[in-house]
Protein backbone atom coordinates (compact mmCIF):
# COMPACT_ATOMS: atom_id res chain seq x y z
CA MET A 1 -31.77 -76.62 29.81
CA ASN A 2 -28.53 -76.11 31.74
CA GLY A 3 -26.99 -74.43 28.68
CA LYS A 4 -29.91 -72.04 28.50
CA LYS A 5 -29.54 -71.21 32.18
CA ARG A 6 -25.85 -70.55 31.77
CA PHE A 7 -26.51 -68.34 28.76
CA GLY A 8 -29.21 -66.47 30.64
CA LEU A 9 -26.99 -65.80 33.66
CA ALA A 10 -24.10 -64.66 31.47
CA THR A 11 -26.38 -62.33 29.55
CA LEU A 12 -27.82 -60.96 32.78
CA ALA A 13 -24.31 -60.34 34.13
CA CYS A 14 -23.31 -58.44 30.99
CA VAL A 15 -26.48 -56.34 31.10
CA SER A 16 -25.91 -55.58 34.77
CA LEU A 17 -22.35 -54.49 34.10
CA ALA A 18 -23.48 -52.31 31.22
CA ILE A 19 -26.06 -50.62 33.44
CA ALA A 20 -23.51 -50.16 36.21
CA PHE A 21 -20.98 -48.52 33.90
CA SER A 22 -23.53 -46.33 32.16
CA ALA A 23 -25.09 -44.98 35.36
CA PRO A 24 -23.59 -41.86 36.96
CA ALA A 25 -21.10 -42.82 39.65
CA THR A 26 -21.32 -41.56 43.19
CA ALA A 27 -18.09 -39.66 43.72
CA TRP A 28 -16.45 -36.43 44.83
CA LYS A 29 -16.06 -33.79 42.16
CA ARG A 30 -12.44 -32.92 42.93
CA GLY A 31 -11.87 -29.98 40.61
CA ALA A 32 -8.65 -28.97 38.88
CA VAL A 33 -5.42 -28.20 40.72
CA GLN A 34 -3.06 -25.70 39.11
CA THR A 35 0.63 -25.18 39.70
CA PHE A 36 0.67 -21.65 41.10
CA ALA A 37 4.45 -21.32 41.43
CA VAL A 38 7.58 -23.43 41.15
CA VAL A 39 9.88 -22.59 44.04
CA PRO A 40 13.58 -22.00 43.26
CA THR A 41 14.77 -24.07 46.22
CA GLY A 42 17.90 -25.29 44.46
CA GLY A 43 17.82 -28.83 45.85
CA GLN A 44 15.55 -31.77 46.49
CA GLN A 45 15.67 -31.56 50.28
CA VAL A 46 15.01 -27.79 50.46
CA LEU A 47 11.24 -27.84 50.88
CA VAL A 48 8.50 -25.27 51.44
CA GLU A 49 5.86 -25.92 54.11
CA GLY A 50 4.45 -22.68 55.50
CA LEU A 51 2.33 -20.28 53.45
CA ALA A 52 0.64 -16.94 54.10
CA VAL A 53 -1.31 -14.54 51.90
CA GLY A 54 -1.23 -10.80 52.55
CA PRO A 55 -4.18 -8.41 52.17
CA ASP A 56 -2.60 -7.22 48.91
CA GLY A 57 -2.66 -10.77 47.52
CA LYS A 58 1.08 -11.43 47.81
CA VAL A 59 1.97 -15.01 48.75
CA TYR A 60 4.81 -15.79 51.17
CA SER A 61 6.58 -19.09 51.82
CA PRO A 62 9.85 -19.89 53.65
CA THR A 63 12.16 -22.86 53.15
CA PHE A 64 12.25 -25.97 55.32
CA HIS A 65 15.60 -27.74 55.04
CA LEU A 66 16.78 -30.70 57.11
CA CYS A 67 20.07 -32.59 56.87
CA SER A 68 19.94 -36.17 58.22
CA GLY A 69 16.74 -35.31 60.05
CA VAL A 70 17.98 -32.13 61.78
CA PRO A 71 18.28 -28.47 60.72
CA CYS A 72 21.25 -27.73 58.47
CA GLY A 73 23.84 -25.07 59.25
CA GLU A 74 22.33 -22.33 57.13
CA ASN A 75 19.67 -19.62 57.18
CA SER A 76 16.28 -20.10 55.60
CA LYS A 77 15.05 -18.20 52.58
CA LEU A 78 11.72 -16.43 52.17
CA PHE A 79 9.96 -16.23 48.81
CA THR A 80 7.40 -13.59 47.84
CA PHE A 81 5.09 -14.18 44.86
CA ASP A 82 2.54 -11.90 43.25
CA PRO A 83 -1.09 -13.10 42.84
CA GLN A 84 -0.21 -14.58 39.43
CA GLY A 85 2.59 -16.74 40.86
CA ARG A 86 5.52 -14.62 39.64
CA LEU A 87 8.49 -14.55 42.00
CA LEU A 88 8.91 -10.98 43.26
CA LYS A 89 11.62 -11.43 45.84
CA GLN A 90 13.88 -14.01 47.43
CA VAL A 91 15.63 -13.03 50.67
CA THR A 92 17.65 -14.78 53.36
CA ILE A 93 16.03 -14.68 56.81
CA ALA A 94 18.66 -13.24 59.13
CA GLY A 95 19.36 -15.21 62.31
CA SER A 96 17.14 -18.14 61.34
CA SER A 97 17.75 -21.86 61.30
CA SER A 98 17.27 -23.76 58.04
CA ALA A 99 13.86 -25.13 59.08
CA MET A 100 10.97 -22.65 59.02
CA LEU A 101 7.33 -23.70 59.18
CA GLY A 102 4.14 -21.68 59.69
CA LEU A 103 3.89 -17.94 59.15
CA ALA A 104 1.25 -15.23 59.09
CA VAL A 105 0.86 -11.57 58.24
CA ILE A 106 0.49 -9.57 61.45
CA PRO A 107 -3.05 -8.14 61.66
CA GLY A 108 -3.28 -4.49 60.75
CA THR A 109 -0.22 -4.63 58.50
CA THR A 110 0.26 -5.31 54.81
CA ASN A 111 3.35 -7.49 54.89
CA ALA A 112 4.90 -7.64 58.38
CA LEU A 113 5.39 -11.33 59.08
CA LEU A 114 5.68 -13.64 62.05
CA VAL A 115 7.51 -16.78 60.96
CA ILE A 116 7.99 -19.92 63.05
CA ASP A 117 11.60 -21.05 63.32
CA PHE A 118 10.98 -24.74 63.93
CA GLY A 119 14.68 -25.51 64.11
CA ALA A 120 15.29 -22.99 66.91
CA GLY A 121 11.98 -23.25 68.78
CA GLN A 122 11.12 -19.57 68.40
CA VAL A 123 9.11 -17.13 66.31
CA LEU A 124 10.80 -14.40 64.30
CA SER A 125 9.42 -11.08 63.09
CA VAL A 126 10.59 -10.89 59.48
CA ASP A 127 10.64 -8.07 56.94
CA PRO A 128 9.96 -9.79 53.59
CA ASN A 129 11.58 -6.92 51.70
CA ASN A 130 15.08 -7.63 53.01
CA GLY A 131 14.86 -10.62 55.35
CA SER A 132 15.86 -8.63 58.41
CA THR A 133 14.72 -9.76 61.84
CA ALA A 134 14.82 -8.28 65.32
CA ALA A 135 15.75 -10.42 68.30
CA PRO A 136 13.49 -13.49 68.53
CA CYS A 137 9.99 -12.05 68.75
CA ILE A 138 8.34 -14.92 70.62
CA THR A 139 9.98 -17.47 72.87
CA LEU A 140 8.39 -20.04 75.18
CA ASP A 141 7.98 -19.80 78.93
CA ASN A 142 9.48 -23.06 80.32
CA PRO A 143 8.46 -25.64 77.70
CA PRO A 144 8.12 -29.12 79.24
CA GLY A 145 10.16 -30.77 76.48
CA THR A 146 11.71 -30.10 73.09
CA PRO A 147 9.18 -27.88 71.30
CA GLY A 148 7.93 -28.52 67.80
CA LEU A 149 6.44 -25.14 66.92
CA ASN A 150 4.39 -25.52 63.77
CA ALA A 151 1.54 -23.10 62.97
CA LEU A 152 0.20 -19.81 64.31
CA THR A 153 -2.86 -17.60 64.26
CA PHE A 154 -4.31 -14.51 65.96
CA ASP A 155 -7.48 -13.57 67.81
CA THR A 156 -9.36 -10.27 67.47
CA ALA A 157 -7.23 -8.64 70.17
CA GLY A 158 -4.04 -9.46 68.27
CA ASN A 159 -2.90 -12.16 70.70
CA THR A 160 -0.77 -14.83 69.03
CA TYR A 161 -1.41 -18.59 69.34
CA ILE A 162 1.18 -21.18 68.33
CA SER A 163 0.82 -24.96 68.02
CA ASP A 164 3.49 -27.21 69.54
CA SER A 165 3.42 -30.54 67.71
CA PHE A 166 5.73 -32.44 70.06
CA ASN A 167 4.42 -31.32 73.46
CA GLY A 168 0.72 -31.22 72.53
CA ILE A 169 0.38 -27.57 73.56
CA ILE A 170 -1.15 -24.37 72.21
CA TRP A 171 1.01 -21.45 73.34
CA LYS A 172 -0.38 -17.92 73.70
CA LEU A 173 1.43 -14.59 73.62
CA THR A 174 -0.85 -11.98 75.19
CA GLY A 175 -0.66 -8.58 73.54
CA THR A 176 0.77 -7.44 70.23
CA ALA A 177 4.35 -6.88 71.35
CA CYS A 178 7.06 -9.55 71.35
CA GLY A 179 7.64 -11.59 74.49
CA LYS A 180 7.28 -14.99 76.16
CA ALA A 181 4.33 -17.20 75.24
CA GLU A 182 2.58 -19.19 77.96
CA ILE A 183 0.57 -22.41 77.82
CA TRP A 184 -3.03 -21.71 76.82
CA ALA A 185 -4.26 -25.25 76.12
CA GLN A 186 -2.75 -28.72 76.35
CA GLY A 187 -3.93 -32.32 76.40
CA ASP A 188 -3.49 -35.84 75.11
CA VAL A 189 -5.70 -35.09 72.10
CA LEU A 190 -3.01 -32.66 70.90
CA LYS A 191 -0.11 -35.12 71.22
CA PRO A 192 1.25 -37.36 68.43
CA ASP A 193 0.85 -40.50 70.59
CA GLY A 194 3.13 -42.65 68.43
CA GLY A 195 1.44 -41.89 65.12
CA VAL A 196 3.32 -41.24 61.88
CA PRO A 197 4.31 -38.63 60.99
CA GLY A 198 5.03 -37.77 64.63
CA PHE A 199 3.47 -34.32 64.69
CA GLY A 200 0.50 -33.70 66.97
CA ALA A 201 -1.00 -30.20 67.14
CA ASN A 202 -0.47 -28.59 63.76
CA GLY A 203 -2.73 -26.21 61.81
CA ILE A 204 -4.79 -23.86 64.02
CA GLU A 205 -7.57 -21.41 63.21
CA PHE A 206 -10.51 -19.73 64.95
CA ASN A 207 -14.09 -19.84 63.70
CA SER A 208 -15.79 -16.59 62.66
CA LYS A 209 -17.13 -15.93 66.16
CA PHE A 210 -13.68 -16.50 67.68
CA ASP A 211 -15.30 -18.64 70.35
CA THR A 212 -13.75 -21.93 69.14
CA MET A 213 -10.30 -22.88 67.92
CA PHE A 214 -9.90 -25.85 65.59
CA VAL A 215 -6.58 -27.74 65.53
CA CYS A 216 -5.30 -30.51 63.29
CA ASN A 217 -3.59 -33.45 65.00
CA THR A 218 -1.52 -34.82 62.14
CA ALA A 219 -0.38 -38.10 63.69
CA MET A 220 -3.88 -39.04 64.86
CA ASP A 221 -5.84 -37.81 61.79
CA TRP A 222 -8.08 -35.64 63.99
CA ILE A 223 -9.50 -32.16 64.07
CA VAL A 224 -9.63 -31.04 67.71
CA GLU A 225 -11.89 -28.27 69.00
CA ILE A 226 -10.98 -25.97 71.87
CA PRO A 227 -13.66 -23.68 73.35
CA VAL A 228 -12.13 -20.27 74.05
CA ALA A 229 -14.22 -19.87 77.21
CA ASP A 230 -12.71 -23.06 78.68
CA PRO A 231 -9.54 -24.25 76.90
CA THR A 232 -9.25 -27.16 79.34
CA SER A 233 -12.31 -28.85 77.81
CA LEU A 234 -10.74 -29.60 74.44
CA SER A 235 -11.95 -32.68 72.55
CA VAL A 236 -11.82 -34.49 69.22
CA PHE A 237 -14.20 -32.78 66.80
CA THR A 238 -13.97 -35.25 63.90
CA ASN A 239 -11.80 -38.17 62.78
CA SER A 240 -10.14 -39.76 59.78
CA ILE A 241 -8.49 -36.93 57.87
CA ASN A 242 -5.37 -38.78 56.75
CA GLY A 243 -2.46 -36.64 57.94
CA CYS A 244 -4.49 -33.57 58.93
CA ASP A 245 -1.92 -30.78 58.50
CA GLY A 246 -2.70 -27.11 57.95
CA ILE A 247 -6.22 -25.68 57.96
CA ALA A 248 -8.07 -22.63 56.70
CA ILE A 249 -11.64 -21.63 57.62
CA ASP A 250 -13.95 -19.91 55.13
CA GLY A 251 -16.68 -17.34 55.73
CA SER A 252 -19.27 -20.08 56.29
CA ASP A 253 -17.08 -21.68 58.98
CA ASN A 254 -16.22 -24.66 56.84
CA ILE A 255 -12.80 -26.11 57.66
CA TRP A 256 -10.47 -26.69 54.70
CA ALA A 257 -7.89 -29.22 55.92
CA ALA A 258 -4.80 -30.38 54.03
CA ALA A 259 -4.67 -34.19 54.26
CA ASN A 260 -0.97 -34.68 53.65
CA GLN A 261 -1.05 -38.49 53.44
CA ALA A 262 -4.09 -38.55 51.15
CA ASP A 263 -2.90 -35.78 48.80
CA GLU A 264 -6.19 -33.91 49.03
CA ILE A 265 -8.04 -31.03 50.65
CA VAL A 266 -10.91 -32.17 52.88
CA VAL A 267 -13.68 -29.64 53.55
CA VAL A 268 -15.59 -30.23 56.78
CA SER A 269 -18.63 -28.40 58.15
CA SER A 270 -18.20 -27.01 61.65
CA THR A 271 -21.73 -25.75 62.30
CA GLY A 272 -25.28 -26.97 62.85
CA ASP A 273 -26.48 -30.53 62.39
CA SER A 274 -23.76 -31.19 59.80
CA ALA A 275 -20.88 -30.31 62.15
CA GLY A 276 -18.00 -32.73 61.58
CA LYS A 277 -19.38 -33.92 58.22
CA VAL A 278 -17.21 -33.89 55.10
CA LEU A 279 -18.60 -31.62 52.39
CA ALA A 280 -15.97 -32.04 49.70
CA LYS A 281 -12.70 -33.74 48.84
CA LEU A 282 -10.69 -31.63 46.44
CA GLY A 283 -7.54 -32.28 44.44
CA ASP A 284 -5.41 -35.38 44.08
CA PHE A 285 -1.93 -36.50 43.04
CA ASP A 286 -1.52 -36.86 39.28
CA GLY A 287 2.12 -37.81 38.91
CA ILE A 288 5.35 -35.88 38.42
CA GLN A 289 6.40 -34.19 35.21
CA GLY A 290 9.84 -32.66 34.76
CA GLY A 291 10.47 -33.01 38.48
CA VAL A 292 7.34 -31.00 39.37
CA THR A 293 4.19 -32.39 40.99
CA ASN A 294 0.96 -32.43 39.02
CA GLY A 295 -1.80 -31.79 41.55
CA LEU A 296 -1.11 -32.29 45.26
CA LEU A 297 1.68 -34.25 46.94
CA PHE A 298 1.92 -34.07 50.75
CA PRO A 299 -0.09 -30.80 50.85
CA ALA A 300 0.68 -28.86 54.02
CA SER A 301 -0.46 -25.25 54.44
CA PRO A 302 -3.64 -23.88 52.82
CA ALA A 303 -4.60 -20.19 52.71
CA PHE A 304 -7.30 -18.25 50.86
CA SER A 305 -6.77 -15.35 48.49
CA PRO A 306 -8.09 -12.03 49.86
CA ASP A 307 -11.21 -12.26 47.68
CA GLY A 308 -11.85 -15.86 48.74
CA LYS A 309 -11.82 -17.19 45.18
CA TRP A 310 -8.62 -19.25 45.43
CA LEU A 311 -7.10 -21.65 47.89
CA TYR A 312 -3.31 -21.78 47.80
CA VAL A 313 -1.51 -24.76 49.32
CA THR A 314 2.14 -25.74 49.60
CA ASN A 315 3.17 -29.11 48.22
CA LEU A 316 5.56 -30.13 51.00
CA GLU A 317 6.46 -33.27 49.01
CA LEU A 318 8.09 -34.78 52.08
CA ASP A 319 9.78 -38.16 51.99
CA LEU A 320 9.13 -39.27 55.56
CA ARG A 321 12.14 -41.58 55.44
CA THR A 322 14.39 -38.49 55.60
CA LEU A 323 13.03 -37.10 58.87
CA GLY A 324 15.09 -39.32 61.13
CA PRO A 325 14.79 -39.28 64.94
CA ASN A 326 11.92 -38.84 67.41
CA ASN A 327 9.45 -40.83 65.30
CA MET A 328 8.87 -37.82 63.09
CA GLY A 329 9.25 -40.02 60.06
CA GLY A 330 9.95 -43.71 60.17
CA PRO A 331 9.44 -46.32 57.46
CA GLN A 332 8.26 -45.14 54.09
CA ALA A 333 4.73 -43.92 53.49
CA VAL A 334 2.84 -44.74 50.31
CA ASP A 335 3.95 -41.45 48.74
CA SER A 336 7.58 -41.49 49.93
CA GLN A 337 9.03 -42.79 46.68
CA TRP A 338 7.04 -40.22 44.68
CA ALA A 339 8.28 -37.43 46.97
CA ALA A 340 11.86 -38.59 46.38
CA GLU A 341 11.38 -37.99 42.64
CA VAL A 342 10.52 -34.31 43.06
CA THR A 343 13.35 -31.95 42.11
CA GLN A 344 11.46 -28.65 41.90
CA HIS A 345 9.07 -27.93 44.75
CA SER A 346 5.85 -26.08 44.15
CA ILE A 347 2.83 -24.22 45.46
CA ALA A 348 -0.55 -25.27 44.09
CA ARG A 349 -3.87 -23.48 43.90
CA LEU A 350 -7.45 -24.53 43.30
CA THR A 351 -10.80 -22.80 43.11
CA ALA A 352 -12.16 -22.24 46.60
CA LYS A 353 -15.60 -23.57 45.77
CA ILE A 354 -17.44 -26.51 47.28
CA PRO A 355 -18.87 -28.48 44.34
CA PRO A 356 -21.99 -30.64 44.58
CA ILE A 357 -21.52 -34.34 45.26
CA GLN A 358 -22.00 -36.42 42.12
CA SER A 359 -24.66 -39.02 42.85
CA THR A 360 -27.04 -41.35 41.12
CA PRO A 361 -30.55 -40.02 40.53
């Protein structure tokens, strides 16, 4: 009798497992990530973080190089790729530090760039054809502490907005000419607050109505929303994007956020009853081959192709142990040892399509 019971339970367990493994699993359909371009950085610590796409489809990315956690004594380089990932030009950015972050094509132009010089706390106007710059285009009006300028965007009037990761500030330069940026929004929800990596306000973009700005807080894993009509009433929009870094917003106002500590792109609705709800998780890390990442590794800056069919994203591939002071890095993260294996840094791309969630019937 007991033997029969034991046999029956064992059989039932096997049948249950068979059913479980044969049924469709509930999961995200992550899609394929392609290597768009391998960047000729010439060294493991010369990274690429910022990325911009021009109206002609050209892709721009500058170098981000730190030595013992601080900018090195050299100028940054700027790479220009065609829409197929072929390197068209490599220039040295005149008058820059070695550590450049976010950049954008100035509205109304084809390839005039504003590039954030993180190492010098300023924004440069850069000609990608020869790397020439004028005097610093944008400086800050009395920053309260050491700035950590990170990402930038524009409104419909051509005003420039810049995130400050260390001070928890969004700076605004009114008008299209160069000058001093003033504080537009600030608050605790934009500060790093002891999180790792120690970058608060990071990727910034407006929705299609330009009545709300969305901001990643990397250290806190948040997306913050700032109403344009009252920038003092900023608040956390949604939580738990692991290392929310750069963002891009599509024509349906969905937010495509690079989760640098999860090695994925998280797509979040920003409208209606589903506001703040994840719609897709795309990409993943799939190892390193020949020193180059397969998939995503510490993805940082996403941007759409002009036709909206592709999402490009830099693989920052950052070993947080190398960042050094000010709690920017700290002890190793789960991907630090993988990042240390990368010898050729890359830009990835994936289809900019939100797939259906795979679920059981």
